[in-house]
Amino acid sequence: MRIFFAVFPESAAVEKLAALIATLTKRCPSDEIRWVVPEQLHYTLKFLGEQPEARVSDAIAAARRAARSCSPFDIVVGGLGAFPSAERPRVVWVGTSAGGPVLVELSARLDGELERVGFAKEARPFVPHLTLARTKTRQAEQAAVRGLAKVGEVGDVARIRVDRFVLMQSQLSPKGATYTVVESFPLAEADSPSP
């Protein structure tokens, strides 16, 4: 199974993010920019890739421990960015203007619990972001640079209540990835209170 842990925004936030993608699509006209389907927008907490079923069980147990150690929190989505840089936007994303450090902490706790059961620790620092688009060519990068310059600064887009994260299975096909929820992990206070 090809799996990853993620936080998905609720539907009200997805609608606002869809409007942002529609605006960016008009400003960045190119057939070589692949825009993310709004319903698939998510914060990737940890990507594990292809794993045998036995390892999936280990990952689920680790995730349950991480979820119990964190309380629900809010994040505010806002501010455009690009990886590796604004001059070479291979990935266009929207970040967080509030709540980002708590999401970083959740990712770190999950990473630590997964490391305890034998998964490799994340080498790169976690940068909270929702991927909006990927560019396929240098021409697409240039179209994105021009379009993002026209859009300018993007303020707060949506507020998201993070009360759980999920383990997703990703199945790849020529039409793109299909995501299926394997398990959901409510954060401490979102779960039934313990005595």
N, C-alpha and C. Protein backbone atom coordinates (compact mmCIF):
# COMPACT_ATOMS: atom_id res chain seq x y z
N MET A 1 0.85 -1.21 0.00
CA MET A 1 0.00 0.00 0.00
C MET A 1 0.87 1.25 0.00
N ARG A 2 0.52 2.20 -0.85
CA ARG A 2 1.22 3.50 -0.88
C ARG A 2 0.45 4.42 0.06
N ILE A 3 1.07 4.82 1.17
CA ILE A 3 0.32 5.50 2.22
C ILE A 3 0.99 6.80 2.68
N PHE A 4 0.15 7.66 3.26
CA PHE A 4 0.66 8.89 3.88
C PHE A 4 -0.34 9.36 4.92
N PHE A 5 0.16 10.13 5.89
CA PHE A 5 -0.68 10.75 6.91
C PHE A 5 -0.93 12.20 6.52
N ALA A 6 -2.17 12.66 6.74
CA ALA A 6 -2.50 14.01 6.30
C ALA A 6 -3.64 14.62 7.13
N VAL A 7 -3.72 15.93 7.03
CA VAL A 7 -4.87 16.70 7.55
C VAL A 7 -5.60 17.25 6.34
N PHE A 8 -6.90 16.96 6.25
CA PHE A 8 -7.72 17.47 5.16
C PHE A 8 -8.62 18.60 5.67
N PRO A 9 -8.71 19.71 4.94
CA PRO A 9 -9.60 20.80 5.36
C PRO A 9 -11.06 20.38 5.25
N GLU A 10 -11.92 20.99 6.10
CA GLU A 10 -13.34 20.71 6.00
C GLU A 10 -13.92 21.42 4.77
N SER A 11 -15.16 21.07 4.41
CA SER A 11 -15.74 21.49 3.13
C SER A 11 -15.83 23.01 2.97
N ALA A 12 -16.12 23.75 4.05
CA ALA A 12 -16.23 25.21 3.93
C ALA A 12 -14.88 25.81 3.50
N ALA A 13 -13.80 25.28 4.05
CA ALA A 13 -12.47 25.76 3.67
C ALA A 13 -12.13 25.34 2.25
N VAL A 14 -12.53 24.14 1.86
CA VAL A 14 -12.26 23.65 0.50
C VAL A 14 -12.92 24.56 -0.53
N GLU A 15 -14.13 25.04 -0.25
CA GLU A 15 -14.82 25.95 -1.17
C GLU A 15 -14.02 27.24 -1.38
N LYS A 16 -13.48 27.78 -0.29
CA LYS A 16 -12.69 29.01 -0.39
C LYS A 16 -11.38 28.76 -1.13
N LEU A 17 -10.79 27.61 -0.89
CA LEU A 17 -9.55 27.26 -1.58
C LEU A 17 -9.80 27.00 -3.07
N ALA A 18 -10.97 26.44 -3.39
CA ALA A 18 -11.34 26.22 -4.80
C ALA A 18 -11.45 27.56 -5.53
N ALA A 19 -12.00 28.57 -4.85
CA ALA A 19 -12.11 29.91 -5.44
C ALA A 19 -10.72 30.50 -5.70
N LEU A 20 -9.78 30.27 -4.76
CA LEU A 20 -8.41 30.74 -4.95
C LEU A 20 -7.76 30.04 -6.15
N ILE A 21 -7.96 28.73 -6.27
CA ILE A 21 -7.40 27.99 -7.40
C ILE A 21 -7.99 28.50 -8.72
N ALA A 22 -9.29 28.79 -8.73
CA ALA A 22 -9.93 29.31 -9.95
C ALA A 22 -9.30 30.64 -10.36
N THR A 23 -9.04 31.51 -9.39
CA THR A 23 -8.40 32.80 -9.68
C THR A 23 -6.99 32.58 -10.22
N LEU A 24 -6.23 31.71 -9.59
CA LEU A 24 -4.86 31.46 -10.03
C LEU A 24 -4.82 30.82 -11.41
N THR A 25 -5.78 29.94 -11.69
CA THR A 25 -5.83 29.28 -13.01
C THR A 25 -6.00 30.31 -14.12
N LYS A 26 -6.84 31.32 -13.87
CA LYS A 26 -7.04 32.38 -14.88
C LYS A 26 -5.78 33.22 -15.05
N ARG A 27 -5.06 33.47 -13.96
CA ARG A 27 -3.87 34.32 -14.00
C ARG A 27 -2.64 33.59 -14.53
N CYS A 28 -2.66 32.26 -14.46
CA CYS A 28 -1.51 31.45 -14.89
C CYS A 28 -1.93 30.50 -16.01
N PRO A 29 -2.29 31.04 -17.19
CA PRO A 29 -2.78 30.15 -18.25
C PRO A 29 -1.64 29.30 -18.83
N SER A 30 -1.75 28.00 -18.64
CA SER A 30 -0.79 27.06 -19.21
C SER A 30 -1.35 25.65 -19.08
N ASP A 31 -1.26 24.90 -20.18
CA ASP A 31 -1.70 23.50 -20.15
C ASP A 31 -0.70 22.62 -19.39
N GLU A 32 0.47 23.18 -19.10
CA GLU A 32 1.53 22.40 -18.45
C GLU A 32 1.60 22.67 -16.95
N ILE A 33 0.59 23.38 -16.41
CA ILE A 33 0.46 23.52 -14.96
C ILE A 33 -0.66 22.59 -14.53
N ARG A 34 -0.34 21.67 -13.62
CA ARG A 34 -1.34 20.71 -13.14
C ARG A 34 -1.89 21.20 -11.81
N TRP A 35 -3.16 21.62 -11.83
CA TRP A 35 -3.81 22.14 -10.63
C TRP A 35 -4.41 21.00 -9.81
N VAL A 36 -4.31 21.11 -8.50
CA VAL A 36 -4.84 20.08 -7.61
C VAL A 36 -6.36 20.19 -7.56
N VAL A 37 -7.04 19.04 -7.61
CA VAL A 37 -8.49 19.01 -7.43
C VAL A 37 -8.77 19.47 -5.99
N PRO A 38 -9.63 20.50 -5.80
CA PRO A 38 -9.82 21.05 -4.45
C PRO A 38 -10.11 20.01 -3.37
N GLU A 39 -10.88 18.98 -3.70
CA GLU A 39 -11.22 17.96 -2.70
C GLU A 39 -10.00 17.13 -2.27
N GLN A 40 -8.91 17.22 -3.02
CA GLN A 40 -7.70 16.46 -2.66
C GLN A 40 -6.67 17.32 -1.93
N LEU A 41 -6.98 18.59 -1.68
CA LEU A 41 -6.05 19.45 -0.95
C LEU A 41 -5.85 18.92 0.47
N HIS A 42 -4.59 18.87 0.90
CA HIS A 42 -4.30 18.36 2.24
C HIS A 42 -2.92 18.79 2.69
N TYR A 43 -2.72 18.78 3.99
CA TYR A 43 -1.39 18.95 4.58
C TYR A 43 -0.81 17.56 4.79
N THR A 44 0.28 17.23 4.11
CA THR A 44 0.92 15.94 4.31
C THR A 44 1.76 16.01 5.58
N LEU A 45 1.39 15.22 6.59
CA LEU A 45 2.16 15.17 7.83
C LEU A 45 3.36 14.24 7.70
N LYS A 46 3.18 13.14 6.96
CA LYS A 46 4.26 12.17 6.79
C LYS A 46 3.91 11.25 5.62
N PHE A 47 4.82 11.16 4.67
CA PHE A 47 4.65 10.26 3.53
C PHE A 47 5.48 9.00 3.78
N LEU A 48 4.84 7.85 3.74
CA LEU A 48 5.54 6.58 4.00
C LEU A 48 5.78 5.76 2.74
N GLY A 49 5.13 6.12 1.64
CA GLY A 49 5.34 5.38 0.40
C GLY A 49 4.77 3.97 0.45
N GLU A 50 5.33 3.08 -0.37
CA GLU A 50 4.85 1.69 -0.44
C GLU A 50 5.23 0.94 0.84
N GLN A 51 4.24 0.32 1.46
CA GLN A 51 4.48 -0.41 2.71
C GLN A 51 3.71 -1.73 2.69
N PRO A 52 4.31 -2.81 3.23
CA PRO A 52 3.57 -4.06 3.37
C PRO A 52 2.51 -3.92 4.47
N GLU A 53 1.50 -4.77 4.43
CA GLU A 53 0.38 -4.65 5.38
C GLU A 53 0.81 -4.68 6.84
N ALA A 54 1.79 -5.50 7.17
CA ALA A 54 2.26 -5.59 8.56
C ALA A 54 2.80 -4.24 9.04
N ARG A 55 3.48 -3.54 8.17
CA ARG A 55 4.03 -2.22 8.52
C ARG A 55 2.92 -1.18 8.65
N VAL A 56 1.85 -1.35 7.88
CA VAL A 56 0.71 -0.43 7.99
C VAL A 56 0.13 -0.51 9.40
N SER A 57 0.03 -1.72 9.94
CA SER A 57 -0.47 -1.89 11.31
C SER A 57 0.42 -1.18 12.32
N ASP A 58 1.74 -1.27 12.13
CA ASP A 58 2.68 -0.56 13.02
C ASP A 58 2.47 0.95 12.93
N ALA A 59 2.27 1.44 11.70
CA ALA A 59 2.08 2.88 11.49
C ALA A 59 0.79 3.35 12.16
N ILE A 60 -0.26 2.55 12.09
CA ILE A 60 -1.54 2.91 12.72
C ILE A 60 -1.39 2.99 14.24
N ALA A 61 -0.69 2.03 14.83
CA ALA A 61 -0.49 2.05 16.28
C ALA A 61 0.30 3.28 16.70
N ALA A 62 1.33 3.64 15.94
CA ALA A 62 2.13 4.83 16.24
C ALA A 62 1.29 6.10 16.11
N ALA A 63 0.45 6.15 15.09
CA ALA A 63 -0.40 7.33 14.87
C ALA A 63 -1.41 7.51 15.99
N ARG A 64 -1.94 6.41 16.51
CA ARG A 64 -2.88 6.51 17.64
C ARG A 64 -2.21 7.16 18.84
N ARG A 65 -0.96 6.77 19.11
CA ARG A 65 -0.24 7.37 20.23
C ARG A 65 -0.01 8.86 20.00
N ALA A 66 0.37 9.23 18.77
CA ALA A 66 0.62 10.64 18.46
C ALA A 66 -0.66 11.46 18.60
N ALA A 67 -1.79 10.91 18.15
CA ALA A 67 -3.07 11.63 18.22
C ALA A 67 -3.49 11.88 19.66
N ARG A 68 -3.23 10.91 20.52
CA ARG A 68 -3.61 11.06 21.93
C ARG A 68 -2.79 12.14 22.64
N SER A 69 -1.63 12.50 22.07
CA SER A 69 -0.75 13.47 22.73
C SER A 69 -1.01 14.91 22.29
N CYS A 70 -1.97 15.13 21.38
CA CYS A 70 -2.24 16.48 20.85
C CYS A 70 -3.71 16.83 21.01
N SER A 71 -3.98 18.09 21.32
CA SER A 71 -5.35 18.59 21.41
C SER A 71 -5.74 19.25 20.10
N PRO A 72 -7.05 19.33 19.80
CA PRO A 72 -7.49 20.03 18.59
C PRO A 72 -7.04 21.49 18.59
N PHE A 73 -6.87 22.04 17.39
CA PHE A 73 -6.40 23.43 17.25
C PHE A 73 -6.89 23.99 15.92
N ASP A 74 -6.75 25.29 15.75
CA ASP A 74 -7.14 25.96 14.50
C ASP A 74 -5.90 26.41 13.74
N ILE A 75 -5.99 26.37 12.42
CA ILE A 75 -4.97 27.00 11.58
C ILE A 75 -5.68 27.93 10.61
N VAL A 76 -4.97 28.98 10.22
CA VAL A 76 -5.49 29.92 9.23
C VAL A 76 -4.63 29.78 7.97
N VAL A 77 -5.28 29.52 6.85
CA VAL A 77 -4.59 29.34 5.58
C VAL A 77 -4.40 30.71 4.93
N GLY A 78 -3.17 30.98 4.50
CA GLY A 78 -2.92 32.26 3.83
C GLY A 78 -1.47 32.38 3.39
N GLY A 79 -1.25 33.17 2.35
CA GLY A 79 0.09 33.43 1.84
C GLY A 79 0.54 32.41 0.81
N LEU A 80 0.84 32.89 -0.40
CA LEU A 80 1.31 32.00 -1.46
C LEU A 80 2.81 31.79 -1.37
N GLY A 81 3.26 30.62 -1.80
CA GLY A 81 4.68 30.32 -1.85
C GLY A 81 4.95 29.31 -2.95
N ALA A 82 6.22 28.98 -3.14
CA ALA A 82 6.60 28.02 -4.17
C ALA A 82 7.86 27.28 -3.76
N PHE A 83 7.94 26.02 -4.16
CA PHE A 83 9.16 25.22 -3.99
C PHE A 83 9.75 24.98 -5.37
N PRO A 84 11.03 25.01 -5.60
CA PRO A 84 12.05 25.34 -4.61
C PRO A 84 12.18 26.83 -4.33
N SER A 85 11.64 27.69 -5.24
CA SER A 85 11.72 29.14 -5.02
C SER A 85 10.66 29.83 -5.87
N ALA A 86 10.43 31.12 -5.60
CA ALA A 86 9.46 31.90 -6.38
C ALA A 86 9.92 32.05 -7.83
N GLU A 87 11.23 31.97 -8.08
CA GLU A 87 11.77 32.11 -9.44
C GLU A 87 11.68 30.79 -10.21
N ARG A 88 11.61 29.67 -9.49
CA ARG A 88 11.51 28.34 -10.11
C ARG A 88 10.37 27.57 -9.44
N PRO A 89 9.13 27.99 -9.67
CA PRO A 89 8.00 27.37 -8.95
C PRO A 89 7.60 26.01 -9.51
N ARG A 90 8.28 24.96 -9.05
CA ARG A 90 7.89 23.61 -9.45
C ARG A 90 6.60 23.20 -8.74
N VAL A 91 6.43 23.72 -7.51
CA VAL A 91 5.22 23.50 -6.73
C VAL A 91 4.72 24.85 -6.23
N VAL A 92 3.45 25.14 -6.49
CA VAL A 92 2.82 26.37 -5.99
C VAL A 92 1.95 25.97 -4.81
N TRP A 93 2.07 26.72 -3.70
CA TRP A 93 1.33 26.34 -2.50
C TRP A 93 0.81 27.55 -1.75
N VAL A 94 -0.11 27.27 -0.84
CA VAL A 94 -0.59 28.29 0.10
C VAL A 94 -0.21 27.80 1.49
N GLY A 95 0.28 28.72 2.31
CA GLY A 95 0.80 28.35 3.62
C GLY A 95 -0.18 28.58 4.75
N THR A 96 0.36 28.86 5.93
CA THR A 96 -0.47 29.16 7.09
C THR A 96 -0.04 30.49 7.67
N SER A 97 -1.02 31.31 8.04
CA SER A 97 -0.70 32.59 8.68
C SER A 97 -0.89 32.50 10.19
N ALA A 98 -1.52 31.44 10.66
CA ALA A 98 -1.67 31.20 12.10
C ALA A 98 -1.84 29.70 12.32
N GLY A 99 -1.32 29.21 13.42
CA GLY A 99 -1.47 27.79 13.76
C GLY A 99 -0.42 26.88 13.17
N GLY A 100 0.42 27.41 12.30
CA GLY A 100 1.45 26.59 11.66
C GLY A 100 2.36 25.87 12.64
N PRO A 101 2.87 26.57 13.69
CA PRO A 101 3.76 25.88 14.63
C PRO A 101 3.11 24.69 15.33
N VAL A 102 1.79 24.75 15.58
CA VAL A 102 1.12 23.62 16.23
C VAL A 102 1.04 22.44 15.25
N LEU A 103 0.82 22.74 13.97
CA LEU A 103 0.81 21.68 12.96
C LEU A 103 2.21 21.06 12.83
N VAL A 104 3.24 21.89 12.93
CA VAL A 104 4.62 21.39 12.90
C VAL A 104 4.84 20.44 14.09
N GLU A 105 4.33 20.83 15.26
CA GLU A 105 4.47 19.99 16.46
C GLU A 105 3.75 18.65 16.28
N LEU A 106 2.54 18.69 15.71
CA LEU A 106 1.80 17.44 15.45
C LEU A 106 2.60 16.54 14.52
N SER A 107 3.16 17.12 13.46
CA SER A 107 3.98 16.36 12.51
C SER A 107 5.19 15.75 13.21
N ALA A 108 5.83 16.52 14.09
CA ALA A 108 7.02 16.04 14.80
C ALA A 108 6.67 14.89 15.75
N ARG A 109 5.53 15.01 16.43
CA ARG A 109 5.12 13.92 17.34
C ARG A 109 4.82 12.64 16.56
N LEU A 110 4.14 12.79 15.43
CA LEU A 110 3.85 11.63 14.59
C LEU A 110 5.15 11.02 14.08
N ASP A 111 6.06 11.85 13.62
CA ASP A 111 7.35 11.38 13.11
C ASP A 111 8.11 10.63 14.20
N GLY A 112 8.08 11.16 15.43
CA GLY A 112 8.77 10.50 16.54
C GLY A 112 8.18 9.14 16.87
N GLU A 113 6.85 9.05 16.89
CA GLU A 113 6.19 7.77 17.18
C GLU A 113 6.47 6.75 16.07
N LEU A 114 6.48 7.22 14.82
CA LEU A 114 6.77 6.31 13.71
C LEU A 114 8.22 5.83 13.76
N GLU A 115 9.12 6.71 14.16
CA GLU A 115 10.53 6.32 14.28
C GLU A 115 10.69 5.22 15.34
N ARG A 116 9.91 5.30 16.41
CA ARG A 116 9.98 4.30 17.49
C ARG A 116 9.63 2.90 16.98
N VAL A 117 8.81 2.81 15.92
CA VAL A 117 8.45 1.48 15.39
C VAL A 117 9.20 1.16 14.09
N GLY A 118 10.30 1.90 13.85
CA GLY A 118 11.20 1.51 12.77
C GLY A 118 11.09 2.26 11.45
N PHE A 119 10.24 3.28 11.36
CA PHE A 119 10.19 4.08 10.13
C PHE A 119 11.29 5.15 10.18
N ALA A 120 11.81 5.50 9.04
CA ALA A 120 12.88 6.49 8.98
C ALA A 120 12.37 7.87 9.39
N LYS A 121 13.19 8.59 10.17
CA LYS A 121 12.84 9.95 10.58
C LYS A 121 12.90 10.87 9.36
N GLU A 122 12.01 11.85 9.34
CA GLU A 122 11.97 12.80 8.22
C GLU A 122 13.27 13.60 8.18
N ALA A 123 13.90 13.67 7.02
CA ALA A 123 15.17 14.38 6.89
C ALA A 123 14.97 15.89 6.73
N ARG A 124 13.90 16.28 6.04
CA ARG A 124 13.66 17.71 5.78
C ARG A 124 12.72 18.28 6.84
N PRO A 125 12.89 19.57 7.14
CA PRO A 125 11.95 20.19 8.09
C PRO A 125 10.55 20.25 7.49
N PHE A 126 9.53 20.10 8.33
CA PHE A 126 8.14 20.14 7.88
C PHE A 126 7.73 21.60 7.67
N VAL A 127 7.26 21.91 6.48
CA VAL A 127 6.77 23.26 6.15
C VAL A 127 5.27 23.13 5.87
N PRO A 128 4.41 23.65 6.78
CA PRO A 128 2.96 23.50 6.57
C PRO A 128 2.50 24.21 5.29
N HIS A 129 1.96 23.45 4.36
CA HIS A 129 1.48 24.04 3.11
C HIS A 129 0.47 23.12 2.44
N LEU A 130 -0.40 23.72 1.65
CA LEU A 130 -1.33 22.99 0.79
C LEU A 130 -0.85 23.17 -0.64
N THR A 131 -0.48 22.10 -1.31
CA THR A 131 -0.04 22.19 -2.70
C THR A 131 -1.24 22.53 -3.58
N LEU A 132 -1.11 23.61 -4.35
CA LEU A 132 -2.17 24.04 -5.26
C LEU A 132 -1.91 23.57 -6.69
N ALA A 133 -0.63 23.54 -7.09
CA ALA A 133 -0.31 23.19 -8.49
C ALA A 133 1.12 22.71 -8.59
N ARG A 134 1.38 21.97 -9.68
CA ARG A 134 2.74 21.55 -10.02
C ARG A 134 2.99 21.94 -11.47
N THR A 135 4.19 22.42 -11.75
CA THR A 135 4.55 22.78 -13.12
C THR A 135 5.35 21.65 -13.73
N LYS A 136 5.15 21.43 -15.03
CA LYS A 136 5.80 20.30 -15.70
C LYS A 136 7.03 20.70 -16.50
N THR A 137 7.09 21.97 -16.94
CA THR A 137 8.17 22.43 -17.82
C THR A 137 8.66 23.81 -17.39
N ARG A 138 9.77 24.22 -17.98
CA ARG A 138 10.30 25.57 -17.72
C ARG A 138 9.29 26.63 -18.18
N GLN A 139 8.60 26.38 -19.30
CA GLN A 139 7.60 27.33 -19.79
C GLN A 139 6.44 27.47 -18.78
N ALA A 140 6.06 26.36 -18.20
CA ALA A 140 5.00 26.39 -17.19
C ALA A 140 5.45 27.16 -15.96
N GLU A 141 6.71 26.97 -15.57
CA GLU A 141 7.26 27.74 -14.44
C GLU A 141 7.18 29.23 -14.73
N GLN A 142 7.55 29.63 -15.95
CA GLN A 142 7.52 31.05 -16.31
C GLN A 142 6.09 31.60 -16.30
N ALA A 143 5.13 30.79 -16.77
CA ALA A 143 3.72 31.20 -16.73
C ALA A 143 3.27 31.37 -15.29
N ALA A 144 3.71 30.48 -14.41
CA ALA A 144 3.36 30.58 -12.99
C ALA A 144 3.98 31.83 -12.36
N VAL A 145 5.23 32.11 -12.70
CA VAL A 145 5.90 33.31 -12.16
C VAL A 145 5.12 34.56 -12.55
N ARG A 146 4.76 34.67 -13.84
CA ARG A 146 4.01 35.84 -14.31
C ARG A 146 2.65 35.94 -13.63
N GLY A 147 1.95 34.81 -13.54
CA GLY A 147 0.62 34.80 -12.94
C GLY A 147 0.63 35.14 -11.48
N LEU A 148 1.58 34.58 -10.75
CA LEU A 148 1.66 34.85 -9.31
C LEU A 148 2.00 36.32 -9.05
N ALA A 149 2.81 36.91 -9.94
CA ALA A 149 3.12 38.34 -9.81
C ALA A 149 1.86 39.18 -9.99
N LYS A 150 0.98 38.77 -10.91
CA LYS A 150 -0.28 39.50 -11.11
C LYS A 150 -1.21 39.37 -9.90
N VAL A 151 -1.21 38.19 -9.28
CA VAL A 151 -2.08 37.96 -8.13
C VAL A 151 -1.58 38.75 -6.92
N GLY A 152 -0.26 38.80 -6.75
CA GLY A 152 0.32 39.52 -5.62
C GLY A 152 0.12 38.80 -4.30
N GLU A 153 0.07 39.57 -3.23
CA GLU A 153 -0.09 38.98 -1.89
C GLU A 153 -1.49 38.37 -1.73
N VAL A 154 -1.54 37.23 -1.09
CA VAL A 154 -2.81 36.59 -0.77
C VAL A 154 -2.95 36.58 0.74
N GLY A 155 -4.00 37.21 1.24
CA GLY A 155 -4.23 37.26 2.68
C GLY A 155 -4.82 35.96 3.18
N ASP A 156 -5.51 36.04 4.30
CA ASP A 156 -6.12 34.85 4.89
C ASP A 156 -7.23 34.32 3.99
N VAL A 157 -7.18 33.03 3.71
CA VAL A 157 -8.14 32.40 2.79
C VAL A 157 -9.23 31.66 3.56
N ALA A 158 -8.83 30.92 4.60
CA ALA A 158 -9.80 30.08 5.32
C ALA A 158 -9.24 29.71 6.69
N ARG A 159 -10.15 29.40 7.60
CA ARG A 159 -9.77 28.87 8.92
C ARG A 159 -10.15 27.39 8.93
N ILE A 160 -9.25 26.56 9.45
CA ILE A 160 -9.46 25.12 9.49
C ILE A 160 -9.35 24.65 10.94
N ARG A 161 -10.34 23.90 11.37
CA ARG A 161 -10.28 23.25 12.69
C ARG A 161 -9.62 21.89 12.51
N VAL A 162 -8.50 21.68 13.16
CA VAL A 162 -7.79 20.40 13.08
C VAL A 162 -8.14 19.61 14.33
N ASP A 163 -9.03 18.64 14.19
CA ASP A 163 -9.41 17.80 15.32
C ASP A 163 -9.08 16.33 15.07
N ARG A 164 -8.44 16.06 13.93
CA ARG A 164 -8.06 14.70 13.57
C ARG A 164 -7.09 14.75 12.41
N PHE A 165 -6.40 13.64 12.20
CA PHE A 165 -5.66 13.45 10.95
C PHE A 165 -5.98 12.05 10.46
N VAL A 166 -5.61 11.76 9.22
CA VAL A 166 -6.00 10.49 8.61
C VAL A 166 -4.80 9.79 7.98
N LEU A 167 -4.93 8.47 7.88
CA LEU A 167 -3.99 7.68 7.08
C LEU A 167 -4.67 7.43 5.75
N MET A 168 -4.02 7.83 4.67
CA MET A 168 -4.58 7.71 3.34
C MET A 168 -3.80 6.68 2.51
N GLN A 169 -4.54 5.98 1.67
CA GLN A 169 -3.91 5.15 0.64
C GLN A 169 -4.00 5.92 -0.66
N SER A 170 -2.89 6.00 -1.37
CA SER A 170 -2.84 6.69 -2.65
C SER A 170 -2.62 5.67 -3.75
N GLN A 171 -3.54 5.65 -4.72
CA GLN A 171 -3.40 4.76 -5.87
C GLN A 171 -3.20 5.62 -7.11
N LEU A 172 -2.07 5.39 -7.78
CA LEU A 172 -1.70 6.21 -8.93
C LEU A 172 -2.25 5.61 -10.22
N SER A 173 -2.64 6.52 -11.13
CA SER A 173 -3.09 6.10 -12.46
C SER A 173 -2.75 7.23 -13.42
N PRO A 174 -2.87 7.00 -14.74
CA PRO A 174 -2.58 8.07 -15.69
C PRO A 174 -3.45 9.32 -15.48
N LYS A 175 -4.63 9.15 -14.87
CA LYS A 175 -5.52 10.29 -14.62
C LYS A 175 -5.18 11.03 -13.33
N GLY A 176 -4.21 10.51 -12.55
CA GLY A 176 -3.83 11.13 -11.29
C GLY A 176 -4.04 10.17 -10.13
N ALA A 177 -3.87 10.69 -8.93
CA ALA A 177 -3.97 9.86 -7.73
C ALA A 177 -5.41 9.78 -7.23
N THR A 178 -5.77 8.62 -6.71
CA THR A 178 -7.05 8.42 -6.03
C THR A 178 -6.73 8.15 -4.57
N TYR A 179 -7.38 8.89 -3.66
CA TYR A 179 -7.13 8.75 -2.24
C TYR A 179 -8.27 8.00 -1.56
N THR A 180 -7.91 7.12 -0.64
CA THR A 180 -8.89 6.39 0.16
C THR A 180 -8.46 6.46 1.62
N VAL A 181 -9.40 6.79 2.51
CA VAL A 181 -9.09 6.84 3.94
C VAL A 181 -8.94 5.42 4.47
N VAL A 182 -7.79 5.14 5.10
CA VAL A 182 -7.55 3.84 5.72
C VAL A 182 -8.01 3.90 7.18
N GLU A 183 -7.66 4.98 7.86
CA GLU A 183 -8.04 5.15 9.27
C GLU A 183 -7.99 6.63 9.64
N SER A 184 -8.86 7.02 10.58
CA SER A 184 -8.90 8.39 11.08
C SER A 184 -8.45 8.40 12.54
N PHE A 185 -7.71 9.45 12.92
CA PHE A 185 -7.14 9.53 14.26
C PHE A 185 -7.57 10.84 14.94
N PRO A 186 -8.64 10.79 15.75
CA PRO A 186 -9.08 11.99 16.46
C PRO A 186 -8.02 12.44 17.44
N LEU A 187 -7.82 13.75 17.53
CA LEU A 187 -6.88 14.29 18.52
C LEU A 187 -7.49 14.17 19.90
N ALA A 188 -6.67 14.26 20.94
CA ALA A 188 -7.04 13.93 22.32
C ALA A 188 -8.44 14.35 22.73
N GLU A 189 -8.75 15.66 22.65
CA GLU A 189 -10.04 16.14 23.16
C GLU A 189 -11.19 15.84 22.20
N ALA A 190 -10.87 15.52 20.94
CA ALA A 190 -11.92 15.20 19.98
C ALA A 190 -12.40 13.77 20.19
N ASP A 191 -11.56 12.96 20.81
CA ASP A 191 -11.90 11.58 21.11
C ASP A 191 -12.76 11.56 22.37
N SER A 192 -13.30 10.42 22.70
CA SER A 192 -14.07 10.33 23.93
C SER A 192 -13.16 10.60 25.12
N PRO A 193 -13.60 11.43 26.08
CA PRO A 193 -12.72 11.80 27.19
C PRO A 193 -12.37 10.57 28.03
N SER A 194 -11.12 10.55 28.46
CA SER A 194 -10.70 9.44 29.30
C SER A 194 -10.88 9.81 30.77
N PRO A 195 -11.20 8.87 31.63
CA PRO A 195 -11.47 9.18 33.03
C PRO A 195 -10.23 9.65 33.77
